[in-house]
C-alpha atoms as a PDB file:
ATOM      1  CA  MET A   1     105.672  94.551  73.048  1.00  0.00           C
ATOM      2  CA  ASP A   2     107.562  91.390  73.831  1.00  0.00           C
ATOM      3  CA  LEU A   3     108.177  89.899  77.249  1.00  0.00           C
ATOM      4  CA  ARG A   4     111.765  91.133  77.478  1.00  0.00           C
ATOM      5  CA  GLU A   5     110.665  94.690  76.720  1.00  0.00           C
ATOM      6  CA  ALA A   6     108.080  94.422  79.514  1.00  0.00           C
ATOM      7  CA  ILE A   7     110.713  93.108  81.930  1.00  0.00           C
ATOM      8  CA  ALA A   8     113.096  95.942  81.072  1.00  0.00           C
ATOM      9  CA  GLY A   9     110.258  98.459  81.498  1.00  0.00           C
ATOM     10  CA  GLN A  10     109.512  97.170  84.995  1.00  0.00           C
ATOM     11  CA  HIS A  11     113.166  97.285  86.045  1.00  0.00           C
ATOM     12  CA  LEU A  12     113.297 100.851  84.754  1.00  0.00           C
ATOM     13  CA  ALA A  13     110.098 101.788  86.605  1.00  0.00           C
ATOM     14  CA  GLY A  14     111.503 100.556  89.901  1.00  0.00           C
ATOM     15  CA  LEU A  15     114.755 102.412  89.367  1.00  0.00           C
ATOM     16  CA  GLU A  16     112.936 105.615  88.402  1.00  0.00           C
ATOM     17  CA  MET A  17     110.928 105.423  91.616  1.00  0.00           C
ATOM     18  CA  LEU A  18     114.128 104.822  93.592  1.00  0.00           C
ATOM     19  CA  GLU A  19     115.685 107.849  91.903  1.00  0.00           C
ATOM     20  CA  GLY A  20     112.610 109.886  92.868  1.00  0.00           C
ATOM     21  CA  ALA A  21     113.046 108.849  96.509  1.00  0.00           C
ATOM     22  CA  VAL A  22     116.713 109.858  96.379  1.00  0.00           C
ATOM     23  CA  ARG A  23     115.952 113.252  94.814  1.00  0.00           C
ATOM     24  CA  ALA A  24     113.210 113.961  97.367  1.00  0.00           C
ATOM     25  CA  CYS A  25     115.348 113.118 100.404  1.00  0.00           C
ATOM     26  CA  PRO A  26     116.364 116.167 102.442  1.00  0.00           C
ATOM     27  CA  ASP A  27     120.005 116.371 103.515  1.00  0.00           C
ATOM     28  CA  GLU A  28     119.188 115.812 107.197  1.00  0.00           C
ATOM     29  CA  LEU A  29     117.455 112.494 106.439  1.00  0.00           C
ATOM     30  CA  TRP A  30     120.105 111.096 104.078  1.00  0.00           C
ATOM     31  CA  ASP A  31     122.472 109.935 106.846  1.00  0.00           C
ATOM     32  CA  ASP A  32     120.234 110.423 109.887  1.00  0.00           C
ATOM     33  CA  PRO A  33     121.782 108.523 112.817  1.00  0.00           C
ATOM     34  CA  SER A  34     118.383 108.061 114.465  1.00  0.00           C
ATOM     35  CA  PHE A  35     117.837 105.222 111.980  1.00  0.00           C
ATOM     36  CA  GLU A  36     119.897 102.072 112.404  1.00  0.00           C
ATOM     37  CA  ILE A  37     119.957 101.636 108.635  1.00  0.00           C
ATOM     38  CA  ARG A  38     120.595 104.944 106.930  1.00  0.00           C
ATOM     39  CA  TYR A  39     118.559 106.156 103.936  1.00  0.00           C
ATOM     40  CA  TRP A  40     121.608 106.193 101.660  1.00  0.00           C
ATOM     41  CA  ARG A  41     122.441 102.608 102.555  1.00  0.00           C
ATOM     42  CA  ILE A  42     118.956 101.350 101.677  1.00  0.00           C
ATOM     43  CA  ALA A  43     119.139 103.153  98.324  1.00  0.00           C
ATOM     44  CA  TYR A  44     122.574 101.718  97.588  1.00  0.00           C
ATOM     45  CA  HIS A  45     121.519  98.221  98.672  1.00  0.00           C
ATOM     46  CA  ALA A  46     118.572  98.270  96.262  1.00  0.00           C
ATOM     47  CA  LEU A  47     120.808  99.395  93.403  1.00  0.00           C
ATOM     48  CA  PHE A  48     123.603  96.964  94.210  1.00  0.00           C
ATOM     49  CA  TYR A  49     121.294  93.957  94.173  1.00  0.00           C
ATOM     50  CA  THR A  50     119.507  95.082  91.032  1.00  0.00           C
ATOM     51  CA  ASP A  51     122.909  95.305  89.365  1.00  0.00           C
ATOM     52  CA  PHE A  52     124.023  91.998  90.908  1.00  0.00           C
ATOM     53  CA  TYR A  53     120.957  89.982  89.856  1.00  0.00           C
ATOM     54  CA  LEU A  54     121.051  91.372  86.333  1.00  0.00           C
ATOM     55  CA  SER A  55     124.447  89.674  86.044  1.00  0.00           C
ATOM     56  CA  GLU A  56     124.918  86.153  84.768  1.00  0.00           C
ATOM     57  CA  SER A  57     126.182  84.892  88.137  1.00  0.00           C
ATOM     58  CA  GLU A  58     128.042  85.912  91.269  1.00  0.00           C
ATOM     59  CA  GLU A  59     131.326  85.049  89.547  1.00  0.00           C
ATOM     60  CA  ALA A  60     130.470  87.135  86.481  1.00  0.00           C
ATOM     61  CA  PHE A  61     129.342  90.170  88.496  1.00  0.00           C
ATOM     62  CA  ARG A  62     131.542  93.246  88.157  1.00  0.00           C
ATOM     63  CA  PRO A  63     130.854  95.741  90.952  1.00  0.00           C
ATOM     64  CA  TRP A  64     130.469  99.428  90.266  1.00  0.00           C
ATOM     65  CA  ASP A  65     133.884 101.095  90.196  1.00  0.00           C
ATOM     66  CA  ARG A  66     132.900 103.188  93.256  1.00  0.00           C
ATOM     67  CA  ALA A  67     131.700 100.215  95.309  1.00  0.00           C
ATOM     68  CA  ARG A  68     132.681 100.420  98.954  1.00  0.00           C
ATOM     69  CA  PRO A  69     133.385  97.238 100.897  1.00  0.00           C
ATOM     70  CA  GLU A  70     130.247  95.799 102.490  1.00  0.00           C
ATOM     71  CA  ALA A  71     128.140  98.922 101.845  1.00  0.00           C
ATOM     72  CA  GLN A  72     125.475  96.718 100.248  1.00  0.00           C
ATOM     73  CA  PHE A  73     124.609  94.941 103.494  1.00  0.00           C
ATOM     74  CA  LEU A  74     121.737  96.229 105.633  1.00  0.00           C
ATOM     75  CA  GLY A  75     122.450  93.960 108.565  1.00  0.00           C
ATOM     76  CA  PRO A  76     124.882  91.275 109.630  1.00  0.00           C
ATOM     77  CA  LEU A  77     126.870  89.588 106.891  1.00  0.00           C
ATOM     78  CA  PRO A  78     125.085  86.470 105.636  1.00  0.00           C
ATOM     79  CA  TRP A  79     128.036  84.181 106.371  1.00  0.00           C
ATOM     80  CA  PRO A  80     129.749  83.320 109.668  1.00  0.00           C
ATOM     81  CA  PRO A  81     130.598  85.002 111.924  1.00  0.00           C
ATOM     82  CA  HIS A  82     127.628  87.176 110.845  1.00  0.00           C
ATOM     83  CA  ARG A  83     129.268  90.385 112.035  1.00  0.00           C
ATOM     84  CA  ALA A  84     127.978  93.849 111.223  1.00  0.00           C
ATOM     85  CA  PRO A  85     129.218  95.341 107.941  1.00  0.00           C
ATOM     86  CA  ILE A  86     132.140  97.705 108.227  1.00  0.00           C
ATOM     87  CA  GLU A  87     131.345 101.395 108.480  1.00  0.00           C
ATOM     88  CA  VAL A  88     131.939 103.235 105.235  1.00  0.00           C
ATOM     89  CA  GLU A  89     131.616 106.807 104.094  1.00  0.00           C
ATOM     90  CA  PRO A  90     128.045 107.439 102.935  1.00  0.00           C
ATOM     91  CA  TYR A  91     127.408 107.772  99.240  1.00  0.00           C
ATOM     92  CA  SER A  92     126.056 111.153  98.219  1.00  0.00           C
ATOM     93  CA  PRO A  93     122.692 111.422  96.472  1.00  0.00           C
ATOM     94  CA  ARG A  94     124.588 112.399  93.315  1.00  0.00           C
ATOM     95  CA  GLU A  95     126.668 109.207  93.469  1.00  0.00           C
ATOM     96  CA  ILE A  96     123.578 107.061  94.010  1.00  0.00           C
ATOM     97  CA  LEU A  97     121.845 108.717  91.039  1.00  0.00           C
ATOM     98  CA  GLU A  98     124.942 108.162  88.883  1.00  0.00           C
ATOM     99  CA  TYR A  99     124.962 104.468  89.790  1.00  0.00           C
ATOM    100  CA  ALA A 100     121.243 104.235  88.987  1.00  0.00           C
ATOM    101  CA  GLN A 101     121.884 105.769  85.559  1.00  0.00           C
ATOM    102  CA  ILE A 102     124.635 103.252  84.830  1.00  0.00           C
ATOM    103  CA  ILE A 103     122.312 100.372  85.667  1.00  0.00           C
ATOM    104  CA  ARG A 104     119.414 101.907  83.716  1.00  0.00           C
ATOM    105  CA  GLY A 105     121.633 102.241  80.659  1.00  0.00           C
ATOM    106  CA  SER A 106     122.453  98.529  80.689  1.00  0.00           C
ATOM    107  CA  ILE A 107     119.062  97.000  81.494  1.00  0.00           C
ATOM    108  CA  ALA A 108     117.749  96.290  77.997  1.00  0.00           C
ATOM    109  CA  GLN A 109     120.965  94.535  76.964  1.00  0.00           C
ATOM    110  CA  ARG A 110     121.202  92.581  80.210  1.00  0.00           C
ATOM    111  CA  VAL A 111     117.587  91.425  80.067  1.00  0.00           C
ATOM    112  CA  ARG A 112     118.221  90.080  76.548  1.00  0.00           C
ATOM    113  CA  ALA A 113     121.498  88.384  77.521  1.00  0.00           C
ATOM    114  CA  PHE A 114     120.161  85.252  79.220  1.00  0.00           C
ATOM    115  CA  PRO A 115     117.352  82.805  78.400  1.00  0.00           C
ATOM    116  CA  LEU A 116     114.307  83.467  80.553  1.00  0.00           C
ATOM    117  CA  ASP A 117     113.805  79.745  81.123  1.00  0.00           C
ATOM    118  CA  GLY A 118     117.461  79.258  82.090  1.00  0.00           C
ATOM    119  CA  PRO A 119     118.717  79.057  85.682  1.00  0.00           C
ATOM    120  CA  SER A 120     118.974  82.184  87.809  1.00  0.00           C
ATOM    121  CA  GLY A 121     122.754  81.858  87.952  1.00  0.00           C
ATOM    122  CA  PHE A 122     122.651  82.182  91.750  1.00  0.00           C
ATOM    123  CA  PRO A 123     122.568  78.794  93.520  1.00  0.00           C
ATOM    124  CA  TRP A 124     120.869  80.198  96.634  1.00  0.00           C
ATOM    125  CA  LEU A 125     117.957  81.285  94.389  1.00  0.00           C
ATOM    126  CA  PRO A 126     116.635  78.120  92.734  1.00  0.00           C
ATOM    127  CA  LEU A 127     114.600  80.109  90.217  1.00  0.00           C
ATOM    128  CA  ASN A 128     114.659  80.468  86.473  1.00  0.00           C
ATOM    129  CA  ARG A 129     115.800  83.788  85.013  1.00  0.00           C
ATOM    130  CA  LEU A 130     112.235  85.042  84.484  1.00  0.00           C
ATOM    131  CA  GLU A 131     111.366  84.483  88.123  1.00  0.00           C
ATOM    132  CA  LEU A 132     114.662  86.119  89.139  1.00  0.00           C
ATOM    133  CA  HIS A 133     113.474  89.268  87.342  1.00  0.00           C
ATOM    134  CA  PHE A 134     110.213  89.159  89.338  1.00  0.00           C
ATOM    135  CA  TYR A 135     112.219  88.599  92.511  1.00  0.00           C
ATOM    136  CA  THR A 136     114.386  91.613  91.698  1.00  0.00           C
ATOM    137  CA  PHE A 137     111.365  93.839  90.937  1.00  0.00           C
ATOM    138  CA  ARG A 138     109.896  92.959  94.326  1.00  0.00           C
ATOM    139  CA  HIS A 139     113.207  93.570  96.080  1.00  0.00           C
ATOM    140  CA  THR A 140     113.665  96.998  94.518  1.00  0.00           C
ATOM    141  CA  GLN A 141     110.079  98.029  95.237  1.00  0.00           C
ATOM    142  CA  HIS A 142     110.295  96.776  98.834  1.00  0.00           C
ATOM    143  CA  HIS A 143     113.168  99.144  99.480  1.00  0.00           C
ATOM    144  CA  VAL A 144     111.589 102.009  97.547  1.00  0.00           C
ATOM    145  CA  GLY A 145     108.604 101.548  99.877  1.00  0.00           C
ATOM    146  CA  GLN A 146     110.876 101.789 102.916  1.00  0.00           C
ATOM    147  CA  LEU A 147     112.421 105.005 101.617  1.00  0.00           C
ATOM    148  CA  VAL A 148     109.079 106.544 100.700  1.00  0.00           C
ATOM    149  CA  GLU A 149     107.598 105.721 104.108  1.00  0.00           C
ATOM    150  CA  ARG A 150     110.596 107.281 105.849  1.00  0.00           C
ATOM    151  CA  LEU A 151     110.370 110.313 103.565  1.00  0.00           C
ATOM    152  CA  ARG A 152     106.618 110.735 104.174  1.00  0.00           C
ATOM    153  CA  SER A 153     106.966 110.406 107.936  1.00  0.00           C
ATOM    154  CA  ARG A 154     109.601 113.144 108.024  1.00  0.00           C
ATOM    155  CA  THR A 155     108.539 115.526 105.259  1.00  0.00           C
ATOM    156  CA  GLY A 156     105.052 114.571 104.127  1.00  0.00           C
ATOM    157  CA  ALA A 157     106.413 114.154 100.594  1.00  0.00           C
ATOM    158  CA  GLY A 158     105.928 111.074  98.496  1.00  0.00           C
ATOM    159  CA  VAL A 159     107.211 109.716  95.214  1.00  0.00           C
ATOM    160  CA  ALA A 160     105.190 109.422  92.035  1.00  0.00           C
ATOM    161  CA  TRP A 161     104.131 105.944  90.949  1.00  0.00           C
ATOM    162  CA  ILE A 162     105.790 104.875  87.699  1.00  0.00           C
ATOM    163  CA  GLY A 163     103.830 102.161  85.898  1.00  0.00           C
ATOM    164  CA  ARG A 164     106.391 101.419  83.233  1.00  0.00           C
ATOM    165  CA  GLY A 165     109.879 102.843  83.007  1.00  0.00           C
ATOM    166  CA  SER A 166     111.192 104.834  80.132  1.00  0.00           C
ATOM    167  CA  ALA A 167     114.501 104.466  78.358  1.00  0.00           C
ATOM    168  CA  LEU A 168     117.296 106.912  79.045  1.00  0.00           C
END
């Protein structure tokens, strides 16, 4: 196994665990207003930023064709005036799983596309591309953990650990 294959496998593992959290979510939890940040929005945020950081740069990023304005933000926008993101219609679990499949299908090619010792492509992340992959793994898993904790607290269900992702 080479390093790029290992990187792709870890991206896939995180996405498979995210998909498991989406599949396990009961309808009443998906858009539960008792949570400031809805389950669907956390799932979409994790996918959006995985997709985003697998791109060459912000300028090169092409959003999913079903992207909704500002749906990727979990809190105030990161630029002034730092207002709350606009309210959008929630994505359905099916839509989130479709987006995950699109990303999964492109991971191997995208991991190979840029030199691992090259710049991240994102000026606010002064990392090389290899470290950007680590950063993205941690980001995805952080949000999978949030979803799993919410799921466990409401249903007692969990999500299986995936050590290394599998190809489509």
